[in-house]
């Protein structure tokens, strides 16, 4: 009886340590600036790019945002916006716009998927590749039509008040 109790206690300690290490590994894989401020930017396009900030969204998150809504990002609406977005997390993100440092370039969705695959899930690599990709694509950007323009990009910017427009993706 005592040995069973001892084994259970040791098992509990072992599981606790494993969980702590797993959580630590997850957070250490996020670049320092993101880890500190936990701000993630979602670029949503109508005709002009707008940013929506809320926290936190994992790299693997899937979003589809139906309808059209205007969100004011002041005060308590911050949490409300997050709740709305999480409620719509039901389908993969797809799009033709990449948002980098307040500049936009129109890109092909397949190229964007290739960009993510090339980064192999590492956000630091993704930042570097996204920057290079933006420069390469800028000259050809005007030839690509604007449709299904919803894309996630990770950024560390702080904006107090912001309007966000979301269009239903074409199917």
Foldseek 3Di string as FASTA:
>chain_A
DVVVVVVVVVVVVVVVVVVVVVVVVVLVLDDPLCSVPQWWWWWADDPDIWIQIAGHDDPPFAFFQADKDKFKQADPSRVVVVVNGVVRRDHHQFAQWDDDPNDIAGHHRVVVVVLCVVCVRRLVSSNVSSVVVCVVRRVVRVVDDGFSHTDTDGDNDDDNTTIDIHYGGDD
